[in-house]
Amino acid sequence: MPWLSLTVWLPIIGGLIVIALGDRRSRPLALGISVLTLLVSLPLYFGFDLSTPAMQFVERANWLPGFDIEYALGVDGIAMPLVILTTLINVVVVISMWEVIKDRPALYLGAFQIMTGLMVGVFSALDAILFYIFFEATLIPMFLIIGIWGGPRRVYATIKFFLYTFLGSVFMLIALIYLYRLGGSFAIEDMHQLAIAEKPQFWIFLAFFAAFAVKIPMWPVHTWLPDAHVEAPTAGSAVLAAIMLKMGGYGFLRFSLPIVPDASSQMDTFMIVISLIAVVYIGFVALVQRDMKKLIAYSSISHMGFVTLGIFIAFGLLQKGDISGVALGLEGAIVQMISHGFISAAMFLCVGVMYDRVHSREISAYGGVINTMPLFGAFMVFFAMANAGLPGTSGFVGEFMIILAGFRANFWIAFLAAMTLVLGAAYTLWMVKRVIFGEIGNDNVAALQDVNRREFWMLGSLAAFVLLLGLWPDLVGRVMHASVENLVSHISISKY
């Protein structure tokens, strides 16, 4: 059974059908497509062979033979958890927008389904040009979602979002064409085997950096993200933070490290420094925000700085011969991506629940929400604690693994990285204190109604996954061990 093709094309074709059939049947049809996509993706996890680093569920077909471009899909232990995360979040966001979107719901829901299929394509493409097409195509539905259903400054936010991400990706395309001319193949696994001289490696690394650093986003190319989040509708923010940012981290793991390991090693200090700036400086920026969505957006930049830190401390550990430390950092980065997907989506959806009632994201517009929405208050506090890295939640696991790896590389790296636990607690709990606790702030808060059944299941499902991954991290960890070991073997060998 072509499980990957079904997971890619079912939501894309389904989204087009939702748009074609119009608004009347759009909600139940979109929900059915999202649930079916999730069910189709589950055999990727339950049928996964833990003993091999090889690509699994591989599908190949001649697509553009004149250009040596294949339709090739497959997943390993790094890609497969991200595919499952994508299909899970898709179901949650469809439920979240069920009663909220009144204007052209068919187009809105259809855009999300199409984007889901494209993001699965990014994580499962084995051909570099196919990867590039999926990578770029995800911009189109998100551009429409922010541009049509976004806030007052949506045009500015969409153009900034598009230009930053599109221009960065152009350099990646140039690098991929160079690699094809060097090896005669667009297959990503063939590119992993290429011998590349020092100067070309450096320029290829910079080309990949331009694409993936913007997508994560890393400091200082992060400024598009807060604007995009503030103007995006709630579901758009949830998908942007939970899935689209992970495409950058995945790109570093799939392209930069195995294809140009020597250049990655030479640039590791630079990457660690800007990752730590994201962790520490952006944490302070989040602390002074007045808009809840902007605060969570800056929080995402800080947490994704942990991902790149976990990836690039690998080279310092490799020089020390600490292979287990290398694997610990890389696995911590992957777990952090999965965990942040659930937590960031939950945080944005919590803001959306309040915005749907009060029509304000300003922290000052609330106060004492727990008095009128006790169940919602419990969810919000739980997700805030997870965002701050509370042990027992998924937010703790990846950060703890990366800090441990950081200690094995350099004490000061670990010390600065651990600052995010302090800053994360500061800005997240400071927001929760002002919004959730205290006396009822105004008449709008006094009139609030607690979460309904739809919102309960939406937030409850995310809370269950945050708790499950926090208590049983091996649920994800065991599928990535063989693939991470294979990646470590790639970066251990010079490609000069």
Protein backbone atom coordinates (compact mmCIF):
# COMPACT_ATOMS: atom_id res chain seq x y z
CA MET A 1 0.00 0.00 0.00
CA PRO A 2 1.48 3.43 -0.97
CA TRP A 3 0.97 4.94 2.48
CA LEU A 4 3.16 7.98 1.87
CA SER A 5 1.53 8.94 -1.42
CA LEU A 6 -1.86 8.61 0.24
CA THR A 7 -0.73 10.81 3.12
CA VAL A 8 0.56 13.44 0.68
CA TRP A 9 -2.17 13.46 -1.93
CA LEU A 10 -5.30 12.65 0.07
CA PRO A 11 -5.36 16.07 1.80
CA ILE A 12 -4.28 17.91 -1.36
CA ILE A 13 -6.99 16.37 -3.53
CA GLY A 14 -9.44 16.50 -0.63
CA GLY A 15 -8.72 20.20 -0.12
CA LEU A 16 -9.45 20.90 -3.79
CA ILE A 17 -12.74 18.97 -3.48
CA VAL A 18 -13.67 20.99 -0.36
CA ILE A 19 -13.08 24.22 -2.27
CA ALA A 20 -15.00 22.97 -5.32
CA LEU A 21 -18.07 21.83 -3.35
CA GLY A 22 -18.42 25.16 -1.56
CA ASP A 23 -19.22 26.32 1.94
CA ARG A 24 -22.25 24.21 2.76
CA ARG A 25 -20.50 20.86 3.23
CA SER A 26 -16.99 22.19 3.85
CA ARG A 27 -16.70 21.60 7.60
CA PRO A 28 -17.69 17.92 7.90
CA LEU A 29 -15.88 17.10 4.65
CA ALA A 30 -12.65 18.78 5.81
CA LEU A 31 -12.84 17.03 9.17
CA GLY A 32 -13.38 13.69 7.47
CA ILE A 33 -10.39 14.26 5.17
CA SER A 34 -8.14 15.28 8.07
CA VAL A 35 -9.13 12.26 10.18
CA LEU A 36 -8.68 9.92 7.22
CA THR A 37 -5.25 11.44 6.51
CA LEU A 38 -4.24 10.82 10.12
CA LEU A 39 -5.43 7.21 9.93
CA VAL A 40 -3.55 6.67 6.66
CA SER A 41 -0.34 8.04 8.24
CA LEU A 42 -0.46 5.78 11.34
CA PRO A 43 0.89 2.65 9.55
CA LEU A 44 4.10 4.67 9.05
CA TYR A 45 4.61 4.53 12.82
CA PHE A 46 3.22 1.11 13.66
CA GLY A 47 4.87 -0.57 10.67
CA PHE A 48 8.21 1.16 11.15
CA ASP A 49 11.31 -1.07 11.40
CA LEU A 50 13.34 0.22 14.36
CA SER A 51 16.46 -1.76 13.48
CA THR A 52 17.47 -0.03 10.25
CA PRO A 53 18.48 3.51 9.29
CA ALA A 54 17.37 2.92 5.70
CA MET A 55 14.50 4.84 4.18
CA GLN A 56 11.22 2.97 4.59
CA PHE A 57 7.87 2.95 2.75
CA VAL A 58 9.86 4.01 -0.33
CA GLU A 59 7.94 4.84 -3.52
CA ARG A 60 9.64 5.70 -6.80
CA ALA A 61 8.37 6.63 -10.24
CA ASN A 62 9.86 8.38 -13.27
CA TRP A 63 8.58 11.92 -13.28
CA LEU A 64 10.84 14.09 -15.46
CA PRO A 65 13.38 11.58 -16.82
CA GLY A 66 14.88 14.16 -19.17
CA PHE A 67 16.07 16.09 -16.12
CA ASP A 68 16.78 13.00 -13.96
CA ILE A 69 14.01 14.07 -11.55
CA GLU A 70 12.05 11.31 -9.80
CA TYR A 71 8.86 11.20 -7.83
CA ALA A 72 10.50 9.55 -4.83
CA LEU A 73 9.11 9.36 -1.30
CA GLY A 74 10.36 7.66 1.85
CA VAL A 75 10.82 8.26 5.57
CA ASP A 76 13.39 7.41 8.20
CA GLY A 77 13.33 7.86 11.96
CA ILE A 78 13.91 11.61 11.63
CA ALA A 79 11.19 12.32 9.06
CA MET A 80 8.45 9.92 10.17
CA PRO A 81 7.65 11.58 13.56
CA LEU A 82 7.31 14.93 11.77
CA VAL A 83 4.85 13.40 9.29
CA ILE A 84 2.70 12.06 12.15
CA LEU A 85 2.90 15.43 13.95
CA THR A 86 1.66 17.14 10.77
CA THR A 87 -1.38 14.90 10.35
CA LEU A 88 -2.25 15.14 14.06
CA ILE A 89 -2.09 18.94 14.11
CA ASN A 90 -4.22 19.03 10.95
CA VAL A 91 -7.12 17.32 12.75
CA VAL A 92 -6.83 19.65 15.74
CA VAL A 93 -6.83 22.85 13.69
CA VAL A 94 -9.87 21.76 11.67
CA ILE A 95 -11.75 21.26 14.95
CA SER A 96 -10.47 24.63 16.20
CA MET A 97 -11.92 26.57 13.25
CA TRP A 98 -15.27 24.72 13.13
CA GLU A 99 -17.42 27.59 14.45
CA VAL A 100 -14.99 30.47 14.07
CA ILE A 101 -14.56 31.10 10.34
CA LYS A 102 -17.69 32.55 8.73
CA ASP A 103 -16.17 34.09 5.61
CA ARG A 104 -15.50 31.58 2.79
CA PRO A 105 -14.96 28.56 5.07
CA ALA A 106 -14.53 26.16 2.12
CA LEU A 107 -11.52 28.06 0.78
CA TYR A 108 -10.11 28.40 4.30
CA LEU A 109 -10.47 24.71 5.18
CA GLY A 110 -9.34 23.60 1.74
CA ALA A 111 -6.16 25.69 2.02
CA PHE A 112 -5.27 23.95 5.28
CA GLN A 113 -5.78 20.51 3.79
CA ILE A 114 -3.63 21.34 0.77
CA MET A 115 -0.92 22.74 3.03
CA THR A 116 -0.95 19.57 5.13
CA GLY A 117 -0.23 17.40 2.10
CA LEU A 118 2.54 19.72 0.94
CA MET A 119 4.21 19.70 4.38
CA VAL A 120 4.09 15.89 4.46
CA GLY A 121 5.73 16.03 1.03
CA VAL A 122 8.57 18.15 2.44
CA PHE A 123 9.31 15.58 5.15
CA SER A 124 9.07 12.55 2.85
CA ALA A 125 10.66 13.71 -0.44
CA LEU A 126 13.75 11.73 -1.45
CA ASP A 127 14.41 13.76 -4.61
CA ALA A 128 15.95 17.21 -4.06
CA ILE A 129 13.82 18.98 -6.68
CA LEU A 130 10.65 17.33 -5.37
CA PHE A 131 11.67 18.54 -1.90
CA TYR A 132 12.21 22.06 -3.24
CA ILE A 133 8.81 22.11 -4.96
CA PHE A 134 6.99 20.99 -1.82
CA PHE A 135 9.10 23.36 0.32
CA GLU A 136 8.16 26.37 -1.82
CA ALA A 137 4.56 25.33 -2.48
CA THR A 138 3.72 25.48 1.25
CA LEU A 139 4.08 29.28 0.96
CA ILE A 140 1.03 29.57 -1.29
CA PRO A 141 -1.75 28.34 1.05
CA MET A 142 -0.20 30.10 4.06
CA PHE A 143 0.09 33.30 2.00
CA LEU A 144 -3.65 33.06 1.25
CA ILE A 145 -4.59 32.17 4.84
CA ILE A 146 -2.83 35.21 6.29
CA GLY A 147 -3.63 37.52 3.38
CA ILE A 148 -7.38 36.84 3.28
CA TRP A 149 -8.31 36.01 6.89
CA GLY A 150 -5.55 37.86 8.73
CA GLY A 151 -5.56 41.05 10.79
CA PRO A 152 -5.40 44.73 9.76
CA ARG A 153 -1.74 44.58 8.66
CA ARG A 154 -2.11 41.25 6.86
CA VAL A 155 -0.85 42.50 3.48
CA TYR A 156 2.41 43.75 5.01
CA ALA A 157 2.83 40.52 7.00
CA THR A 158 2.18 38.23 4.01
CA ILE A 159 4.54 40.07 1.68
CA LYS A 160 7.29 40.08 4.33
CA PHE A 161 6.69 36.38 5.06
CA PHE A 162 6.77 35.47 1.37
CA LEU A 163 9.84 37.54 0.45
CA TYR A 164 11.97 36.34 3.36
CA THR A 165 11.24 32.66 2.83
CA PHE A 166 11.17 32.68 -0.98
CA LEU A 167 14.44 34.59 -1.42
CA GLY A 168 16.24 32.31 1.02
CA SER A 169 15.06 29.25 -0.89
CA VAL A 170 16.40 30.52 -4.22
CA PHE A 171 19.95 30.01 -2.91
CA MET A 172 19.05 26.46 -1.91
CA LEU A 173 17.88 25.74 -5.48
CA ILE A 174 21.20 26.98 -6.86
CA ALA A 175 23.05 24.68 -4.43
CA LEU A 176 20.91 21.69 -5.43
CA ILE A 177 21.60 22.28 -9.13
CA TYR A 178 25.34 22.51 -8.40
CA LEU A 179 25.19 19.22 -6.49
CA TYR A 180 23.38 17.61 -9.43
CA ARG A 181 26.07 18.80 -11.85
CA LEU A 182 28.68 17.40 -9.47
CA GLY A 183 27.13 13.95 -8.99
CA GLY A 184 24.61 13.54 -11.82
CA SER A 185 21.68 12.80 -9.52
CA PHE A 186 18.98 14.73 -7.69
CA ALA A 187 18.48 11.87 -5.22
CA ILE A 188 19.14 13.24 -1.73
CA GLU A 189 20.79 10.00 -0.59
CA ASP A 190 23.19 10.19 -3.56
CA MET A 191 24.10 13.74 -2.56
CA HIS A 192 25.02 12.39 0.91
CA GLN A 193 27.80 10.33 -0.73
CA LEU A 194 29.40 13.12 -2.79
CA ALA A 195 33.00 14.20 -2.28
CA ILE A 196 33.01 18.01 -2.22
CA ALA A 197 36.00 20.36 -1.99
CA GLU A 198 36.42 22.91 0.82
CA LYS A 199 35.30 26.11 -0.92
CA PRO A 200 32.22 24.58 -2.62
CA GLN A 201 31.20 23.08 0.74
CA PHE A 202 31.36 26.52 2.35
CA TRP A 203 29.16 28.13 -0.31
CA ILE A 204 26.71 25.21 -0.31
CA PHE A 205 26.43 25.51 3.47
CA LEU A 206 25.64 29.22 3.16
CA ALA A 207 23.01 28.49 0.51
CA PHE A 208 21.30 25.94 2.74
CA PHE A 209 21.66 28.30 5.69
CA ALA A 210 19.84 31.05 3.76
CA ALA A 211 16.85 28.76 3.21
CA PHE A 212 16.65 26.92 6.52
CA ALA A 213 17.69 29.70 8.94
CA VAL A 214 14.88 31.91 7.62
CA LYS A 215 12.36 29.10 7.90
CA ILE A 216 13.16 28.21 11.54
CA PRO A 217 13.68 31.30 11.93
CA MET A 218 17.07 32.07 13.45
CA TRP A 219 18.26 35.45 14.70
CA PRO A 220 18.67 37.91 12.94
CA VAL A 221 16.38 36.75 10.07
CA HIS A 222 13.48 36.17 12.47
CA THR A 223 11.60 39.45 12.14
CA TRP A 224 8.99 38.10 9.71
CA LEU A 225 7.65 35.59 12.25
CA PRO A 226 6.11 37.88 14.93
CA ASP A 227 4.38 39.92 12.21
CA ALA A 228 3.06 36.78 10.52
CA HIS A 229 1.79 35.33 13.80
CA VAL A 230 0.08 38.52 14.94
CA GLU A 231 -1.77 38.96 11.65
CA ALA A 232 -2.53 35.27 10.98
CA PRO A 233 -5.81 33.72 12.11
CA THR A 234 -5.50 31.38 15.09
CA ALA A 235 -5.32 28.14 13.09
CA GLY A 236 -2.74 29.71 10.76
CA SER A 237 -0.53 30.61 13.72
CA ALA A 238 -0.91 27.08 15.13
CA VAL A 239 0.22 25.40 11.89
CA LEU A 240 2.96 27.95 11.24
CA ALA A 241 4.51 27.40 14.69
CA ALA A 242 3.80 23.68 15.02
CA ILE A 243 4.87 22.46 11.57
CA MET A 244 6.28 25.05 9.16
CA LEU A 245 9.12 26.15 11.45
CA LYS A 246 10.22 22.50 11.72
CA MET A 247 10.94 22.43 7.99
CA GLY A 248 14.05 24.52 8.67
CA GLY A 249 15.36 22.22 11.40
CA TYR A 250 14.62 19.20 9.23
CA GLY A 251 16.50 20.83 6.35
CA PHE A 252 19.66 21.19 8.44
CA LEU A 253 19.44 17.51 9.45
CA ARG A 254 18.66 16.20 5.96
CA PHE A 255 20.90 18.46 3.84
CA SER A 256 23.48 20.59 5.67
CA LEU A 257 24.96 18.03 8.06
CA PRO A 258 25.26 14.95 5.81
CA ILE A 259 26.07 16.75 2.53
CA VAL A 260 28.56 19.37 3.76
CA PRO A 261 29.74 18.10 7.18
CA ASP A 262 33.16 19.79 6.95
CA ALA A 263 31.65 23.24 6.31
CA SER A 264 29.05 22.59 9.01
CA SER A 265 31.89 21.79 11.41
CA GLN A 266 33.77 24.96 10.45
CA MET A 267 30.64 27.06 10.98
CA ASP A 268 29.53 25.38 14.20
CA THR A 269 30.76 28.21 16.47
CA PHE A 270 28.84 30.77 14.43
CA MET A 271 25.70 28.62 14.52
CA ILE A 272 26.00 28.02 18.27
CA VAL A 273 26.45 31.76 18.94
CA ILE A 274 23.37 32.84 16.98
CA SER A 275 21.40 29.94 18.50
CA LEU A 276 22.31 31.16 22.00
CA ILE A 277 21.38 34.72 21.02
CA ALA A 278 17.97 33.39 20.01
CA VAL A 279 17.65 31.46 23.28
CA VAL A 280 18.70 34.32 25.58
CA TYR A 281 18.11 37.65 23.82
CA ILE A 282 14.79 36.69 22.23
CA GLY A 283 13.69 35.39 25.64
CA PHE A 284 14.17 38.91 27.04
CA VAL A 285 12.28 40.34 24.04
CA ALA A 286 9.36 38.00 24.81
CA LEU A 287 9.35 39.21 28.40
CA VAL A 288 8.27 42.76 27.44
CA GLN A 289 5.52 41.90 24.94
CA ARG A 290 1.98 43.15 25.50
CA ASP A 291 0.32 41.06 22.78
CA MET A 292 -0.09 37.39 23.73
CA LYS A 293 0.44 36.09 20.20
CA LYS A 294 3.59 38.15 19.78
CA LEU A 295 4.89 36.83 23.10
CA ILE A 296 4.30 33.22 22.02
CA ALA A 297 5.86 33.98 18.61
CA TYR A 298 9.08 35.20 20.25
CA SER A 299 8.90 32.21 22.56
CA SER A 300 8.91 29.97 19.47
CA ILE A 301 12.07 31.66 18.15
CA SER A 302 13.76 31.07 21.50
CA HIS A 303 12.72 27.41 21.65
CA MET A 304 13.76 26.77 18.06
CA GLY A 305 17.16 28.21 18.95
CA PHE A 306 17.45 25.14 21.15
CA VAL A 307 16.94 22.96 18.08
CA THR A 308 19.82 24.48 16.11
CA LEU A 309 21.96 24.44 19.27
CA GLY A 310 21.36 20.70 19.68
CA ILE A 311 22.24 20.13 16.02
CA PHE A 312 25.49 22.11 15.89
CA ILE A 313 27.03 21.25 19.26
CA ALA A 314 27.44 17.83 17.63
CA PHE A 315 30.73 18.87 16.01
CA GLY A 316 32.41 19.99 19.22
CA LEU A 317 31.44 16.71 20.84
CA LEU A 318 32.67 14.83 17.77
CA GLN A 319 36.12 16.40 18.14
CA LYS A 320 36.18 15.12 21.73
CA GLY A 321 35.25 11.64 20.53
CA ASP A 322 31.98 11.77 22.49
CA ILE A 323 29.76 9.92 20.01
CA SER A 324 27.00 9.30 22.55
CA GLY A 325 26.93 13.04 23.29
CA VAL A 326 26.56 13.79 19.57
CA ALA A 327 23.55 11.45 19.36
CA LEU A 328 22.11 12.95 22.56
CA GLY A 329 22.20 16.48 21.11
CA LEU A 330 20.73 15.47 17.76
CA GLU A 331 17.95 13.39 19.33
CA GLY A 332 17.25 16.21 21.76
CA ALA A 333 16.81 18.59 18.81
CA ILE A 334 14.31 16.23 17.13
CA VAL A 335 12.35 15.67 20.36
CA GLN A 336 12.32 19.45 20.89
CA MET A 337 10.81 19.94 17.43
CA ILE A 338 8.04 17.42 18.11
CA SER A 339 7.34 18.79 21.60
CA HIS A 340 7.29 22.39 20.43
CA GLY A 341 4.82 21.39 17.73
CA PHE A 342 2.25 20.31 20.32
CA ILE A 343 2.93 23.07 22.87
CA SER A 344 3.07 26.02 20.47
CA ALA A 345 -0.12 24.89 18.71
CA ALA A 346 -1.83 24.61 22.10
CA MET A 347 -0.65 28.04 23.24
CA PHE A 348 -1.89 29.75 20.08
CA LEU A 349 -5.21 27.90 20.26
CA CYS A 350 -5.63 29.01 23.89
CA VAL A 351 -5.16 32.62 22.80
CA GLY A 352 -7.69 31.96 20.03
CA VAL A 353 -10.27 30.70 22.55
CA MET A 354 -10.02 33.98 24.46
CA TYR A 355 -9.89 36.11 21.30
CA ASP A 356 -13.10 34.53 19.99
CA ARG A 357 -14.86 35.79 23.14
CA VAL A 358 -13.20 39.16 23.87
CA HIS A 359 -11.71 40.06 20.44
CA SER A 360 -8.45 41.22 21.96
CA ARG A 361 -5.00 39.66 22.29
CA GLU A 362 -3.70 42.36 24.63
CA ILE A 363 -2.66 41.02 28.04
CA SER A 364 -4.13 44.15 29.65
CA ALA A 365 -7.60 43.27 28.32
CA TYR A 366 -7.82 40.27 30.67
CA GLY A 367 -7.30 39.36 34.30
CA GLY A 368 -8.95 36.81 36.55
CA VAL A 369 -10.04 34.55 33.67
CA ILE A 370 -9.82 31.54 36.03
CA ASN A 371 -12.83 32.89 37.92
CA THR A 372 -15.15 32.56 34.94
CA MET A 373 -13.33 29.90 32.89
CA PRO A 374 -11.83 27.43 35.40
CA LEU A 375 -11.45 24.54 32.95
CA PHE A 376 -9.84 26.75 30.34
CA GLY A 377 -7.61 28.24 33.05
CA ALA A 378 -6.38 24.75 33.94
CA PHE A 379 -5.49 24.04 30.29
CA MET A 380 -3.75 27.39 29.88
CA VAL A 381 -1.66 26.96 33.03
CA PHE A 382 -0.70 23.40 32.01
CA PHE A 383 0.47 24.48 28.56
CA ALA A 384 2.29 27.47 30.04
CA MET A 385 4.17 25.18 32.43
CA ALA A 386 5.03 22.85 29.55
CA ASN A 387 6.28 25.85 27.56
CA ALA A 388 8.50 26.73 30.52
CA GLY A 389 9.96 23.19 30.55
CA LEU A 390 8.20 21.64 33.54
CA PRO A 391 9.47 18.08 34.22
CA GLY A 392 6.82 15.55 33.32
CA THR A 393 5.80 17.47 30.21
CA SER A 394 7.25 17.18 26.72
CA GLY A 395 8.73 20.69 27.02
CA PHE A 396 11.29 19.38 29.50
CA VAL A 397 12.58 16.36 27.59
CA GLY A 398 14.22 17.89 24.51
CA GLU A 399 15.64 20.88 26.37
CA PHE A 400 17.08 18.63 29.09
CA MET A 401 18.74 16.39 26.49
CA ILE A 402 20.29 19.39 24.72
CA ILE A 403 21.51 20.95 27.99
CA LEU A 404 23.09 17.61 28.96
CA ALA A 405 24.82 17.44 25.57
CA GLY A 406 25.86 21.07 26.02
CA PHE A 407 27.55 20.26 29.34
CA ARG A 408 29.54 17.56 27.60
CA ALA A 409 30.65 20.07 24.95
CA ASN A 410 31.25 23.23 27.00
CA PHE A 411 30.01 24.39 30.41
CA TRP A 412 29.21 27.93 29.25
CA ILE A 413 27.14 26.72 26.31
CA ALA A 414 25.07 24.64 28.72
CA PHE A 415 24.83 27.52 31.20
CA LEU A 416 23.54 29.98 28.62
CA ALA A 417 21.20 27.38 27.14
CA ALA A 418 19.77 26.70 30.60
CA MET A 419 18.87 30.41 30.80
CA THR A 420 15.89 29.60 28.61
CA LEU A 421 14.40 27.62 31.50
CA VAL A 422 14.55 30.75 33.65
CA LEU A 423 13.44 33.16 30.93
CA GLY A 424 10.77 30.75 29.66
CA ALA A 425 9.30 30.53 33.13
CA ALA A 426 9.53 34.32 33.50
CA TYR A 427 7.71 35.42 30.36
CA THR A 428 5.21 32.56 30.28
CA LEU A 429 4.18 32.68 33.93
CA TRP A 430 4.19 36.49 33.93
CA MET A 431 1.62 36.35 31.11
CA VAL A 432 -0.43 33.67 32.90
CA LYS A 433 -0.41 35.64 36.15
CA ARG A 434 -1.82 38.73 34.47
CA VAL A 435 -4.31 36.94 32.23
CA ILE A 436 -5.54 33.95 34.22
CA PHE A 437 -5.17 34.81 37.91
CA GLY A 438 -6.12 37.71 40.18
CA GLU A 439 -9.35 39.66 40.36
CA ILE A 440 -11.70 39.81 37.39
CA GLY A 441 -10.24 42.55 35.21
CA ASN A 442 -13.33 43.97 33.49
CA ASP A 443 -16.90 43.30 32.41
CA ASN A 444 -15.78 41.36 29.33
CA VAL A 445 -13.94 38.86 31.52
CA ALA A 446 -16.90 38.69 33.94
CA ALA A 447 -19.17 37.62 31.06
CA LEU A 448 -16.87 34.86 29.74
CA GLN A 449 -18.18 31.33 29.31
CA ASP A 450 -15.93 28.32 29.88
CA VAL A 451 -14.76 26.07 27.05
CA ASN A 452 -17.43 24.19 25.12
CA ARG A 453 -17.21 20.56 24.09
CA ARG A 454 -15.38 21.30 20.84
CA GLU A 455 -12.76 23.42 22.59
CA PHE A 456 -12.38 20.85 25.38
CA TRP A 457 -11.53 18.04 22.97
CA MET A 458 -9.26 20.33 20.96
CA LEU A 459 -7.19 21.38 23.99
CA GLY A 460 -7.55 18.06 25.80
CA SER A 461 -6.06 16.08 22.92
CA LEU A 462 -3.01 18.35 22.80
CA ALA A 463 -2.63 18.16 26.59
CA ALA A 464 -2.68 14.36 26.37
CA PHE A 465 0.14 14.33 23.81
CA VAL A 466 2.22 16.85 25.79
CA LEU A 467 1.85 14.69 28.89
CA LEU A 468 2.38 11.40 27.05
CA LEU A 469 5.61 12.56 25.42
CA GLY A 470 6.79 14.04 28.71
CA LEU A 471 6.24 10.81 30.63
CA TRP A 472 7.19 8.41 27.82
CA PRO A 473 9.72 10.16 25.55
CA ASP A 474 10.84 6.80 24.15
CA LEU A 475 7.58 6.84 22.19
CA VAL A 476 9.44 9.09 19.76
CA GLY A 477 13.03 8.37 20.81
CA ARG A 478 13.06 4.71 19.88
CA VAL A 479 12.15 5.33 16.24
CA MET A 480 14.99 7.79 15.66
CA HIS A 481 17.97 5.94 17.22
CA ALA A 482 19.10 4.07 14.10
CA SER A 483 18.64 7.10 11.83
CA VAL A 484 20.53 9.41 14.19
CA GLU A 485 23.39 6.90 14.43
CA ASN A 486 23.53 6.86 10.63
CA LEU A 487 23.61 10.67 10.59
CA VAL A 488 26.45 10.65 13.13
CA SER A 489 28.43 8.30 10.86
CA HIS A 490 27.92 10.76 7.95
CA ILE A 491 29.20 13.79 9.84
CA SER A 492 32.14 11.79 11.25
CA ILE A 493 33.67 11.35 7.79
CA SER A 494 35.19 14.22 5.82
CA LYS A 495 33.74 14.80 2.35
CA TYR A 496 36.85 16.58 1.03
